[in-house]
Amino acid sequence: MTNDFFKRAAKRRPPNPFMEPWEIAAAHNHISLPRVARIQGETFGKDRHHLMIHDAWGCKPVEGHHDDHYADYTFPEGWRIRRAEWDDHPAELLDPLDDARAEIIGPEEIYGAPMLSILPRYHVVTRYDLDERVRVVAVDRRSNRSIRQTVWISPNEQALILRQIAEYTEWLNEVKPDHCDVFAYWGDV
C-alpha cells in the first residue's frame, strides 16, 4: 500500500512535530477507514457497513469527517492502524489485543477506490517452503497459530491440494460452523 492513506490523514489534522498523523488520530480514538468494505466476500458500497462494524466493534462514524474515499470513526480505546512494513502489503486495523481485524487495501491494488477488507478469525491458507512444496493450514488469527495442517505436498499435485483445501474448509465448517462470519468467535474486547 502506498502512503496515500497516511498522506490524506495528514492533510486533515494539524501538524505535530513529534507524532505521525495516524498517531494523532489514534490519540483521539479517531481512525480513518475506507468507505467501501468487503465483508464475507461481498462488497458493500459507500458507508453501507457502518451499522455492522458499529454493532461488532463499538465504533461510530464521526459526523462530517469524510471525503470521497475515507471516513473517520471513533473507536473504543486501544484500536489502531498498523502501517505495513512493505509498500506492497496493506495496513491493518488492530483491536486492543493487537489482532488484525481488517486490512486497508489501497486503490492501486484493486483498481479503484480503497477498500476495508474485514478478516475472519479462522481461515484456511496454503503455505510454501523453500522447495516450493505446499502445505494446507487451518489458522486461528487470534493466536496466529496453525490449528490443523497437512504434510508438505508437491506443487505438481494440484488435485490433492484442492481436495485438501476443500477438506479443511469442511472440517472448519464442522468445528467452527460460523467461521465464515467475520465478526464471529472474536469474543470482542
N, C-alpha and C. Protein backbone atom coordinates (compact mmCIF):
# COMPACT_ATOMS: atom_id res chain seq x y z
N MET A 1 0.85 -1.17 0.00
CA MET A 1 0.00 0.00 0.00
C MET A 1 0.89 1.23 0.00
N THR A 2 0.53 2.18 -0.79
CA THR A 2 1.31 3.41 -0.81
C THR A 2 0.98 4.24 0.41
N ASN A 3 1.63 5.35 0.54
CA ASN A 3 1.41 6.22 1.68
C ASN A 3 0.21 7.14 1.50
N ASP A 4 -0.60 6.93 0.44
CA ASP A 4 -1.76 7.78 0.17
C ASP A 4 -2.68 7.88 1.38
N PHE A 5 -2.94 6.76 2.03
CA PHE A 5 -3.81 6.73 3.19
C PHE A 5 -3.29 7.66 4.28
N PHE A 6 -1.99 7.60 4.54
CA PHE A 6 -1.41 8.38 5.61
C PHE A 6 -1.23 9.85 5.21
N LYS A 7 -0.95 10.11 3.92
CA LYS A 7 -0.85 11.48 3.44
C LYS A 7 -2.18 12.19 3.56
N ARG A 8 -3.29 11.48 3.21
CA ARG A 8 -4.61 12.06 3.30
C ARG A 8 -4.95 12.39 4.74
N ALA A 9 -4.60 11.50 5.66
CA ALA A 9 -4.85 11.75 7.08
C ALA A 9 -4.08 12.97 7.56
N ALA A 10 -2.88 13.16 7.04
CA ALA A 10 -2.04 14.29 7.45
C ALA A 10 -2.65 15.61 7.02
N LYS A 11 -3.32 15.65 5.88
CA LYS A 11 -3.90 16.90 5.38
C LYS A 11 -5.03 17.40 6.27
N ARG A 12 -5.74 16.48 6.93
CA ARG A 12 -6.91 16.87 7.69
C ARG A 12 -6.61 17.17 9.15
N ARG A 13 -5.42 16.88 9.59
CA ARG A 13 -5.11 17.04 11.01
C ARG A 13 -3.97 18.04 11.19
N PRO A 14 -3.98 18.79 12.28
CA PRO A 14 -2.92 19.77 12.49
C PRO A 14 -1.57 19.08 12.65
N PRO A 15 -0.50 19.71 12.14
CA PRO A 15 0.82 19.09 12.24
C PRO A 15 1.30 19.03 13.69
N ASN A 16 2.02 18.00 14.00
CA ASN A 16 2.63 17.83 15.30
C ASN A 16 4.03 17.28 15.03
N PRO A 17 5.07 17.97 15.39
CA PRO A 17 6.42 17.53 15.03
C PRO A 17 6.84 16.23 15.69
N PHE A 18 6.11 15.78 16.70
CA PHE A 18 6.51 14.57 17.42
C PHE A 18 5.66 13.35 17.11
N MET A 19 4.58 13.52 16.35
CA MET A 19 3.68 12.40 16.11
C MET A 19 3.35 12.29 14.62
N GLU A 20 3.16 11.08 14.17
CA GLU A 20 2.67 10.83 12.81
C GLU A 20 1.17 11.11 12.78
N PRO A 21 0.58 11.40 11.60
CA PRO A 21 -0.84 11.73 11.53
C PRO A 21 -1.75 10.65 12.11
N TRP A 22 -1.43 9.37 11.84
CA TRP A 22 -2.31 8.32 12.34
C TRP A 22 -2.17 8.17 13.85
N GLU A 23 -1.02 8.57 14.43
CA GLU A 23 -0.86 8.55 15.87
C GLU A 23 -1.70 9.65 16.52
N ILE A 24 -1.77 10.81 15.86
CA ILE A 24 -2.61 11.90 16.36
C ILE A 24 -4.07 11.46 16.36
N ALA A 25 -4.49 10.86 15.26
CA ALA A 25 -5.88 10.39 15.18
C ALA A 25 -6.15 9.34 16.24
N ALA A 26 -5.22 8.41 16.44
CA ALA A 26 -5.41 7.35 17.42
C ALA A 26 -5.48 7.91 18.83
N ALA A 27 -4.77 9.01 19.08
CA ALA A 27 -4.81 9.62 20.40
C ALA A 27 -6.22 10.10 20.73
N HIS A 28 -7.01 10.42 19.73
CA HIS A 28 -8.40 10.84 19.92
C HIS A 28 -9.36 9.69 19.64
N ASN A 29 -8.83 8.49 19.46
CA ASN A 29 -9.62 7.30 19.11
C ASN A 29 -10.34 7.47 17.78
N HIS A 30 -9.85 8.36 16.91
CA HIS A 30 -10.39 8.51 15.57
C HIS A 30 -9.52 7.72 14.61
N ILE A 31 -10.15 6.92 13.79
CA ILE A 31 -9.43 6.13 12.80
C ILE A 31 -10.11 6.34 11.46
N SER A 32 -9.32 6.66 10.43
CA SER A 32 -9.86 6.81 9.08
C SER A 32 -9.89 5.45 8.40
N LEU A 33 -11.05 5.09 7.88
CA LEU A 33 -11.22 3.82 7.18
C LEU A 33 -11.85 4.06 5.82
N PRO A 34 -11.57 3.19 4.86
CA PRO A 34 -12.23 3.32 3.56
C PRO A 34 -13.74 3.21 3.71
N ARG A 35 -14.45 3.92 2.84
CA ARG A 35 -15.91 3.93 2.89
C ARG A 35 -16.52 2.73 2.19
N VAL A 36 -15.71 1.98 1.44
CA VAL A 36 -16.17 0.75 0.78
C VAL A 36 -15.57 -0.41 1.55
N ALA A 37 -16.36 -1.48 1.75
CA ALA A 37 -15.89 -2.62 2.55
C ALA A 37 -16.20 -3.94 1.87
N ARG A 38 -15.34 -4.93 2.15
CA ARG A 38 -15.60 -6.31 1.73
C ARG A 38 -15.81 -7.11 3.01
N ILE A 39 -17.01 -7.68 3.13
CA ILE A 39 -17.38 -8.47 4.31
C ILE A 39 -17.91 -9.81 3.82
N GLN A 40 -17.27 -10.89 4.27
CA GLN A 40 -17.66 -12.25 3.87
C GLN A 40 -17.75 -12.40 2.36
N GLY A 41 -16.82 -11.79 1.65
CA GLY A 41 -16.76 -11.92 0.20
C GLY A 41 -17.68 -10.98 -0.56
N GLU A 42 -18.53 -10.26 0.14
CA GLU A 42 -19.45 -9.33 -0.52
C GLU A 42 -18.92 -7.91 -0.38
N THR A 43 -18.96 -7.15 -1.48
CA THR A 43 -18.52 -5.76 -1.45
C THR A 43 -19.70 -4.86 -1.12
N PHE A 44 -19.52 -4.02 -0.13
CA PHE A 44 -20.55 -3.08 0.29
C PHE A 44 -20.16 -1.69 -0.19
N GLY A 45 -21.11 -1.00 -0.82
CA GLY A 45 -20.87 0.35 -1.31
C GLY A 45 -20.62 1.31 -0.17
N LYS A 46 -20.40 2.56 -0.53
CA LYS A 46 -20.04 3.58 0.45
C LYS A 46 -20.95 3.57 1.66
N ASP A 47 -20.33 3.42 2.81
CA ASP A 47 -20.95 3.57 4.13
C ASP A 47 -22.03 2.54 4.45
N ARG A 48 -22.21 1.51 3.63
CA ARG A 48 -23.25 0.52 3.90
C ARG A 48 -22.84 -0.44 5.02
N HIS A 49 -21.61 -0.39 5.45
CA HIS A 49 -21.13 -1.29 6.50
C HIS A 49 -21.09 -0.62 7.88
N HIS A 50 -21.48 0.66 7.98
CA HIS A 50 -21.42 1.38 9.25
C HIS A 50 -22.08 0.61 10.39
N LEU A 51 -23.31 0.17 10.19
CA LEU A 51 -24.06 -0.48 11.26
C LEU A 51 -23.41 -1.79 11.68
N MET A 52 -22.89 -2.55 10.72
CA MET A 52 -22.25 -3.83 11.04
C MET A 52 -21.01 -3.64 11.91
N ILE A 53 -20.14 -2.69 11.53
CA ILE A 53 -18.93 -2.52 12.34
C ILE A 53 -19.24 -1.80 13.65
N HIS A 54 -20.29 -0.98 13.66
CA HIS A 54 -20.71 -0.36 14.92
C HIS A 54 -21.15 -1.44 15.89
N ASP A 55 -22.01 -2.34 15.45
CA ASP A 55 -22.52 -3.40 16.32
C ASP A 55 -21.40 -4.35 16.77
N ALA A 56 -20.47 -4.68 15.87
CA ALA A 56 -19.43 -5.65 16.21
C ALA A 56 -18.27 -5.04 16.98
N TRP A 57 -17.85 -3.83 16.64
CA TRP A 57 -16.65 -3.25 17.21
C TRP A 57 -16.91 -2.05 18.11
N GLY A 58 -18.13 -1.56 18.15
CA GLY A 58 -18.44 -0.43 19.01
C GLY A 58 -17.94 0.92 18.51
N CYS A 59 -17.67 1.03 17.21
CA CYS A 59 -17.19 2.30 16.66
C CYS A 59 -18.36 3.08 16.06
N LYS A 60 -18.16 4.39 15.92
CA LYS A 60 -19.19 5.25 15.35
C LYS A 60 -18.56 6.18 14.32
N PRO A 61 -19.26 6.44 13.21
CA PRO A 61 -18.74 7.42 12.26
C PRO A 61 -18.72 8.81 12.89
N VAL A 62 -17.70 9.59 12.58
CA VAL A 62 -17.61 10.97 13.07
C VAL A 62 -18.33 11.85 12.05
N GLU A 63 -19.37 12.53 12.49
CA GLU A 63 -20.17 13.37 11.59
C GLU A 63 -19.31 14.40 10.87
N GLY A 64 -19.47 14.47 9.56
CA GLY A 64 -18.80 15.48 8.76
C GLY A 64 -17.32 15.22 8.49
N HIS A 65 -16.78 14.12 8.96
CA HIS A 65 -15.36 13.79 8.75
C HIS A 65 -15.24 12.68 7.72
N HIS A 66 -15.38 13.05 6.45
CA HIS A 66 -15.23 12.07 5.38
C HIS A 66 -14.92 12.80 4.08
N ASP A 67 -14.38 12.04 3.14
CA ASP A 67 -14.19 12.55 1.78
C ASP A 67 -14.72 11.46 0.85
N ASP A 68 -14.36 11.50 -0.40
CA ASP A 68 -14.91 10.52 -1.36
C ASP A 68 -14.55 9.08 -1.02
N HIS A 69 -13.39 8.88 -0.38
CA HIS A 69 -12.92 7.51 -0.18
C HIS A 69 -12.77 7.07 1.26
N TYR A 70 -12.65 8.00 2.20
CA TYR A 70 -12.41 7.64 3.60
C TYR A 70 -13.39 8.34 4.52
N ALA A 71 -13.66 7.71 5.66
CA ALA A 71 -14.47 8.32 6.71
C ALA A 71 -13.77 8.07 8.04
N ASP A 72 -13.92 9.01 8.97
CA ASP A 72 -13.35 8.85 10.30
C ASP A 72 -14.37 8.19 11.21
N TYR A 73 -13.85 7.32 12.08
CA TYR A 73 -14.68 6.63 13.07
C TYR A 73 -14.07 6.85 14.43
N THR A 74 -14.91 6.93 15.46
CA THR A 74 -14.45 6.94 16.83
C THR A 74 -14.52 5.51 17.32
N PHE A 75 -13.36 4.97 17.73
CA PHE A 75 -13.26 3.59 18.19
C PHE A 75 -13.09 3.55 19.70
N PRO A 76 -13.45 2.42 20.31
CA PRO A 76 -13.13 2.25 21.74
C PRO A 76 -11.60 2.29 21.93
N GLU A 77 -11.19 2.52 23.14
CA GLU A 77 -9.77 2.60 23.49
C GLU A 77 -9.00 1.36 23.01
N GLY A 78 -7.82 1.60 22.45
CA GLY A 78 -6.93 0.50 22.10
C GLY A 78 -6.92 0.10 20.64
N TRP A 79 -7.94 0.45 19.86
CA TRP A 79 -7.95 0.13 18.44
C TRP A 79 -6.97 1.06 17.73
N ARG A 80 -6.29 0.53 16.70
CA ARG A 80 -5.32 1.36 15.99
C ARG A 80 -5.04 0.79 14.61
N ILE A 81 -4.33 1.58 13.81
CA ILE A 81 -3.88 1.16 12.48
C ILE A 81 -2.39 0.80 12.58
N ARG A 82 -2.04 -0.35 12.03
CA ARG A 82 -0.61 -0.70 11.93
C ARG A 82 -0.21 -0.53 10.47
N ARG A 83 0.73 0.33 10.27
CA ARG A 83 1.25 0.58 8.93
C ARG A 83 2.02 -0.65 8.44
N ALA A 84 1.87 -0.97 7.17
CA ALA A 84 2.55 -2.12 6.60
C ALA A 84 4.06 -1.89 6.57
N GLU A 85 4.81 -2.96 6.82
CA GLU A 85 6.26 -2.86 6.78
C GLU A 85 6.76 -2.71 5.35
N TRP A 86 6.04 -3.27 4.41
CA TRP A 86 6.41 -3.22 3.00
C TRP A 86 5.33 -2.49 2.23
N ASP A 87 5.71 -1.74 1.20
CA ASP A 87 4.73 -0.97 0.44
C ASP A 87 3.69 -1.83 -0.26
N ASP A 88 4.02 -3.09 -0.55
CA ASP A 88 3.05 -3.93 -1.27
C ASP A 88 2.13 -4.71 -0.33
N HIS A 89 2.17 -4.43 0.98
CA HIS A 89 1.28 -5.06 1.95
C HIS A 89 0.29 -4.02 2.46
N PRO A 90 -0.93 -4.44 2.76
CA PRO A 90 -1.92 -3.48 3.27
C PRO A 90 -1.68 -3.12 4.73
N ALA A 91 -2.15 -1.94 5.10
CA ALA A 91 -2.17 -1.57 6.52
C ALA A 91 -3.25 -2.41 7.19
N GLU A 92 -3.15 -2.55 8.52
CA GLU A 92 -4.11 -3.38 9.24
C GLU A 92 -4.79 -2.58 10.34
N LEU A 93 -6.08 -2.89 10.55
CA LEU A 93 -6.82 -2.36 11.68
C LEU A 93 -6.68 -3.38 12.80
N LEU A 94 -6.10 -2.94 13.93
CA LEU A 94 -5.85 -3.84 15.06
C LEU A 94 -6.79 -3.54 16.21
N ASP A 95 -7.27 -4.60 16.87
CA ASP A 95 -8.09 -4.43 18.06
C ASP A 95 -7.17 -4.23 19.28
N PRO A 96 -7.73 -4.03 20.47
CA PRO A 96 -6.88 -3.78 21.64
C PRO A 96 -5.92 -4.92 21.99
N LEU A 97 -6.18 -6.13 21.49
CA LEU A 97 -5.27 -7.25 21.74
C LEU A 97 -4.25 -7.42 20.63
N ASP A 98 -4.18 -6.44 19.72
CA ASP A 98 -3.27 -6.44 18.57
C ASP A 98 -3.59 -7.51 17.54
N ASP A 99 -4.84 -7.94 17.48
CA ASP A 99 -5.27 -8.87 16.44
C ASP A 99 -5.71 -8.08 15.22
N ALA A 100 -5.26 -8.50 14.03
CA ALA A 100 -5.66 -7.83 12.79
C ALA A 100 -7.11 -8.20 12.49
N ARG A 101 -7.99 -7.21 12.53
CA ARG A 101 -9.41 -7.44 12.28
C ARG A 101 -9.80 -7.08 10.85
N ALA A 102 -8.98 -6.23 10.20
CA ALA A 102 -9.28 -5.83 8.83
C ALA A 102 -8.00 -5.34 8.17
N GLU A 103 -8.01 -5.36 6.85
CA GLU A 103 -6.91 -4.80 6.07
C GLU A 103 -7.44 -3.61 5.28
N ILE A 104 -6.60 -2.61 5.13
CA ILE A 104 -6.95 -1.45 4.32
C ILE A 104 -6.21 -1.60 3.00
N ILE A 105 -6.97 -1.95 1.99
CA ILE A 105 -6.40 -2.24 0.67
C ILE A 105 -6.45 -0.95 -0.15
N GLY A 106 -5.29 -0.53 -0.61
CA GLY A 106 -5.18 0.72 -1.34
C GLY A 106 -5.80 0.65 -2.72
N PRO A 107 -6.16 1.79 -3.30
CA PRO A 107 -6.83 1.81 -4.60
C PRO A 107 -5.99 1.21 -5.71
N GLU A 108 -4.66 1.32 -5.62
CA GLU A 108 -3.81 0.79 -6.68
C GLU A 108 -3.81 -0.73 -6.69
N GLU A 109 -4.21 -1.36 -5.58
CA GLU A 109 -4.23 -2.82 -5.50
C GLU A 109 -5.51 -3.40 -6.08
N ILE A 110 -6.58 -2.61 -6.14
CA ILE A 110 -7.86 -3.12 -6.63
C ILE A 110 -8.43 -2.29 -7.77
N TYR A 111 -7.61 -1.40 -8.32
CA TYR A 111 -8.01 -0.60 -9.48
C TYR A 111 -9.28 0.20 -9.24
N GLY A 112 -9.30 0.97 -8.21
CA GLY A 112 -10.46 1.79 -7.94
C GLY A 112 -10.33 2.47 -6.60
N ALA A 113 -11.39 2.45 -5.83
CA ALA A 113 -11.42 3.07 -4.52
C ALA A 113 -10.73 2.17 -3.49
N PRO A 114 -10.19 2.74 -2.42
CA PRO A 114 -9.64 1.92 -1.35
C PRO A 114 -10.76 1.09 -0.71
N MET A 115 -10.39 -0.02 -0.09
CA MET A 115 -11.39 -0.91 0.46
C MET A 115 -10.95 -1.42 1.83
N LEU A 116 -11.91 -1.54 2.73
CA LEU A 116 -11.70 -2.16 4.03
C LEU A 116 -12.09 -3.63 3.89
N SER A 117 -11.15 -4.52 4.04
CA SER A 117 -11.43 -5.95 3.93
C SER A 117 -11.42 -6.54 5.34
N ILE A 118 -12.59 -6.94 5.82
CA ILE A 118 -12.73 -7.43 7.19
C ILE A 118 -12.38 -8.92 7.22
N LEU A 119 -11.55 -9.29 8.18
CA LEU A 119 -10.96 -10.63 8.23
C LEU A 119 -11.68 -11.54 9.23
N PRO A 120 -11.89 -12.81 8.86
CA PRO A 120 -12.46 -13.76 9.82
C PRO A 120 -11.37 -14.24 10.78
N ARG A 121 -11.79 -14.76 11.93
CA ARG A 121 -10.79 -15.26 12.89
C ARG A 121 -10.16 -16.56 12.40
N TYR A 122 -10.96 -17.48 11.88
CA TYR A 122 -10.46 -18.76 11.41
C TYR A 122 -10.51 -18.82 9.89
N HIS A 123 -9.46 -19.35 9.27
CA HIS A 123 -9.45 -19.44 7.82
C HIS A 123 -8.46 -20.51 7.37
N VAL A 124 -8.57 -20.90 6.10
CA VAL A 124 -7.70 -21.91 5.51
C VAL A 124 -6.78 -21.22 4.51
N VAL A 125 -5.48 -21.51 4.59
CA VAL A 125 -4.49 -20.92 3.70
C VAL A 125 -3.56 -22.01 3.17
N THR A 126 -2.80 -21.65 2.15
CA THR A 126 -1.72 -22.52 1.69
C THR A 126 -0.41 -21.83 2.00
N ARG A 127 0.56 -22.61 2.42
CA ARG A 127 1.89 -22.08 2.71
C ARG A 127 2.91 -22.85 1.88
N TYR A 128 4.01 -22.19 1.58
CA TYR A 128 5.05 -22.78 0.73
C TYR A 128 6.38 -22.80 1.50
N ASP A 129 7.17 -23.86 1.27
CA ASP A 129 8.50 -23.90 1.85
C ASP A 129 9.52 -23.49 0.78
N LEU A 130 10.80 -23.56 1.11
CA LEU A 130 11.85 -23.13 0.18
C LEU A 130 11.92 -24.01 -1.06
N ASP A 131 11.45 -25.24 -0.96
CA ASP A 131 11.42 -26.15 -2.12
C ASP A 131 10.13 -26.02 -2.91
N GLU A 132 9.32 -25.00 -2.56
CA GLU A 132 8.03 -24.72 -3.20
C GLU A 132 7.00 -25.81 -2.96
N ARG A 133 7.22 -26.65 -1.95
CA ARG A 133 6.18 -27.60 -1.58
C ARG A 133 5.07 -26.83 -0.88
N VAL A 134 3.88 -27.42 -0.89
CA VAL A 134 2.69 -26.73 -0.39
C VAL A 134 2.16 -27.45 0.84
N ARG A 135 1.67 -26.68 1.78
CA ARG A 135 1.01 -27.21 2.97
C ARG A 135 -0.30 -26.46 3.13
N VAL A 136 -1.40 -27.18 3.34
CA VAL A 136 -2.70 -26.57 3.61
C VAL A 136 -2.84 -26.45 5.13
N VAL A 137 -3.24 -25.24 5.57
CA VAL A 137 -3.25 -24.96 7.00
C VAL A 137 -4.55 -24.26 7.40
N ALA A 138 -5.15 -24.72 8.49
CA ALA A 138 -6.25 -24.00 9.12
C ALA A 138 -5.62 -23.14 10.21
N VAL A 139 -5.91 -21.84 10.19
CA VAL A 139 -5.23 -20.87 11.06
C VAL A 139 -6.23 -20.16 11.96
N ASP A 140 -5.81 -19.97 13.21
CA ASP A 140 -6.53 -19.11 14.15
C ASP A 140 -5.80 -17.78 14.16
N ARG A 141 -6.43 -16.76 13.63
CA ARG A 141 -5.80 -15.45 13.50
C ARG A 141 -5.48 -14.83 14.87
N ARG A 142 -6.27 -15.13 15.89
CA ARG A 142 -6.01 -14.54 17.22
C ARG A 142 -4.68 -15.03 17.78
N SER A 143 -4.44 -16.33 17.73
CA SER A 143 -3.18 -16.85 18.27
C SER A 143 -2.08 -16.89 17.21
N ASN A 144 -2.46 -16.65 15.96
CA ASN A 144 -1.54 -16.72 14.83
C ASN A 144 -0.86 -18.09 14.76
N ARG A 145 -1.65 -19.12 15.06
CA ARG A 145 -1.12 -20.48 15.05
C ARG A 145 -1.95 -21.37 14.12
N SER A 146 -1.28 -22.39 13.66
CA SER A 146 -1.96 -23.41 12.87
C SER A 146 -2.76 -24.29 13.83
N ILE A 147 -4.01 -24.54 13.51
CA ILE A 147 -4.80 -25.44 14.34
C ILE A 147 -4.93 -26.82 13.70
N ARG A 148 -4.57 -26.89 12.42
CA ARG A 148 -4.52 -28.16 11.70
C ARG A 148 -3.74 -27.92 10.41
N GLN A 149 -2.90 -28.88 10.03
CA GLN A 149 -2.12 -28.71 8.80
C GLN A 149 -1.80 -30.05 8.16
N THR A 150 -1.61 -30.01 6.85
CA THR A 150 -1.25 -31.21 6.10
C THR A 150 0.25 -31.40 6.11
N VAL A 151 0.70 -32.52 5.62
CA VAL A 151 2.12 -32.72 5.35
C VAL A 151 2.45 -31.90 4.11
N TRP A 152 3.73 -31.72 3.82
CA TRP A 152 4.13 -30.98 2.63
C TRP A 152 3.74 -31.77 1.38
N ILE A 153 3.22 -31.06 0.39
CA ILE A 153 2.72 -31.66 -0.85
C ILE A 153 3.47 -31.04 -2.02
N SER A 154 3.78 -31.86 -3.00
CA SER A 154 4.43 -31.37 -4.22
C SER A 154 3.50 -30.39 -4.93
N PRO A 155 4.02 -29.28 -5.44
CA PRO A 155 3.17 -28.31 -6.14
C PRO A 155 2.57 -28.90 -7.43
N ASN A 156 3.10 -30.00 -7.90
CA ASN A 156 2.55 -30.65 -9.10
C ASN A 156 1.25 -31.40 -8.82
N GLU A 157 0.95 -31.63 -7.55
CA GLU A 157 -0.25 -32.38 -7.17
C GLU A 157 -1.42 -31.43 -6.89
N GLN A 158 -1.82 -30.68 -7.91
CA GLN A 158 -2.87 -29.68 -7.77
C GLN A 158 -4.19 -30.27 -7.30
N ALA A 159 -4.56 -31.44 -7.81
CA ALA A 159 -5.83 -32.06 -7.42
C ALA A 159 -5.82 -32.37 -5.92
N LEU A 160 -4.70 -32.88 -5.42
CA LEU A 160 -4.59 -33.19 -3.99
C LEU A 160 -4.65 -31.91 -3.16
N ILE A 161 -3.98 -30.87 -3.61
CA ILE A 161 -4.00 -29.59 -2.88
C ILE A 161 -5.43 -29.05 -2.81
N LEU A 162 -6.14 -29.05 -3.92
CA LEU A 162 -7.52 -28.56 -3.94
C LEU A 162 -8.43 -29.42 -3.06
N ARG A 163 -8.21 -30.73 -3.07
CA ARG A 163 -9.00 -31.63 -2.23
C ARG A 163 -8.73 -31.33 -0.74
N GLN A 164 -7.46 -31.09 -0.40
CA GLN A 164 -7.11 -30.77 0.99
C GLN A 164 -7.73 -29.44 1.43
N ILE A 165 -7.72 -28.46 0.56
CA ILE A 165 -8.36 -27.18 0.88
C ILE A 165 -9.85 -27.40 1.15
N ALA A 166 -10.51 -28.18 0.29
CA ALA A 166 -11.94 -28.48 0.49
C ALA A 166 -12.17 -29.23 1.79
N GLU A 167 -11.31 -30.21 2.09
CA GLU A 167 -11.46 -30.99 3.33
C GLU A 167 -11.26 -30.11 4.57
N TYR A 168 -10.27 -29.24 4.53
CA TYR A 168 -10.01 -28.37 5.67
C TYR A 168 -11.14 -27.36 5.86
N THR A 169 -11.67 -26.88 4.76
CA THR A 169 -12.81 -25.96 4.85
C THR A 169 -14.01 -26.69 5.44
N GLU A 170 -14.25 -27.91 4.99
CA GLU A 170 -15.34 -28.75 5.54
C GLU A 170 -15.11 -28.99 7.03
N TRP A 171 -13.86 -29.29 7.41
CA TRP A 171 -13.55 -29.51 8.82
C TRP A 171 -13.84 -28.24 9.64
N LEU A 172 -13.44 -27.08 9.13
CA LEU A 172 -13.74 -25.83 9.83
C LEU A 172 -15.25 -25.62 9.95
N ASN A 173 -16.00 -26.00 8.91
CA ASN A 173 -17.46 -25.89 8.96
C ASN A 173 -18.03 -26.72 10.10
N GLU A 174 -17.41 -27.85 10.40
CA GLU A 174 -17.89 -28.72 11.48
C GLU A 174 -17.50 -28.19 12.86
N VAL A 175 -16.24 -27.79 13.03
CA VAL A 175 -15.78 -27.39 14.37
C VAL A 175 -16.07 -25.93 14.68
N LYS A 176 -16.14 -25.09 13.68
CA LYS A 176 -16.46 -23.67 13.84
C LYS A 176 -17.49 -23.31 12.78
N PRO A 177 -18.76 -23.68 12.98
CA PRO A 177 -19.76 -23.51 11.92
C PRO A 177 -19.94 -22.09 11.41
N ASP A 178 -19.59 -21.10 12.20
CA ASP A 178 -19.73 -19.70 11.78
C ASP A 178 -18.39 -19.08 11.38
N HIS A 179 -17.41 -19.91 11.01
CA HIS A 179 -16.07 -19.38 10.72
C HIS A 179 -16.05 -18.40 9.56
N CYS A 180 -17.03 -18.46 8.67
CA CYS A 180 -17.07 -17.51 7.54
C CYS A 180 -17.61 -16.14 7.98
N ASP A 181 -18.26 -16.09 9.14
CA ASP A 181 -18.76 -14.83 9.67
C ASP A 181 -17.57 -14.06 10.24
N VAL A 182 -17.23 -12.94 9.62
CA VAL A 182 -16.02 -12.20 10.00
C VAL A 182 -16.11 -11.60 11.40
N PHE A 183 -17.31 -11.55 11.97
CA PHE A 183 -17.47 -10.99 13.31
C PHE A 183 -17.60 -12.07 14.38
N ALA A 184 -17.64 -13.35 13.99
CA ALA A 184 -17.84 -14.45 14.94
C ALA A 184 -16.52 -14.87 15.58
N TYR A 185 -16.63 -15.41 16.78
CA TYR A 185 -15.54 -16.06 17.52
C TYR A 185 -14.47 -15.12 18.06
N TRP A 186 -14.60 -13.84 17.87
CA TRP A 186 -13.57 -12.94 18.37
C TRP A 186 -13.73 -12.68 19.86
N GLY A 187 -14.95 -12.85 20.38
CA GLY A 187 -15.18 -12.54 21.81
C GLY A 187 -14.78 -11.11 22.09
N ASP A 188 -15.41 -10.19 21.37
CA ASP A 188 -14.93 -8.81 21.30
C ASP A 188 -14.57 -8.21 22.64
N VAL A 189 -13.47 -7.51 22.56
CA VAL A 189 -12.83 -6.92 23.74
C VAL A 189 -13.46 -5.61 24.11
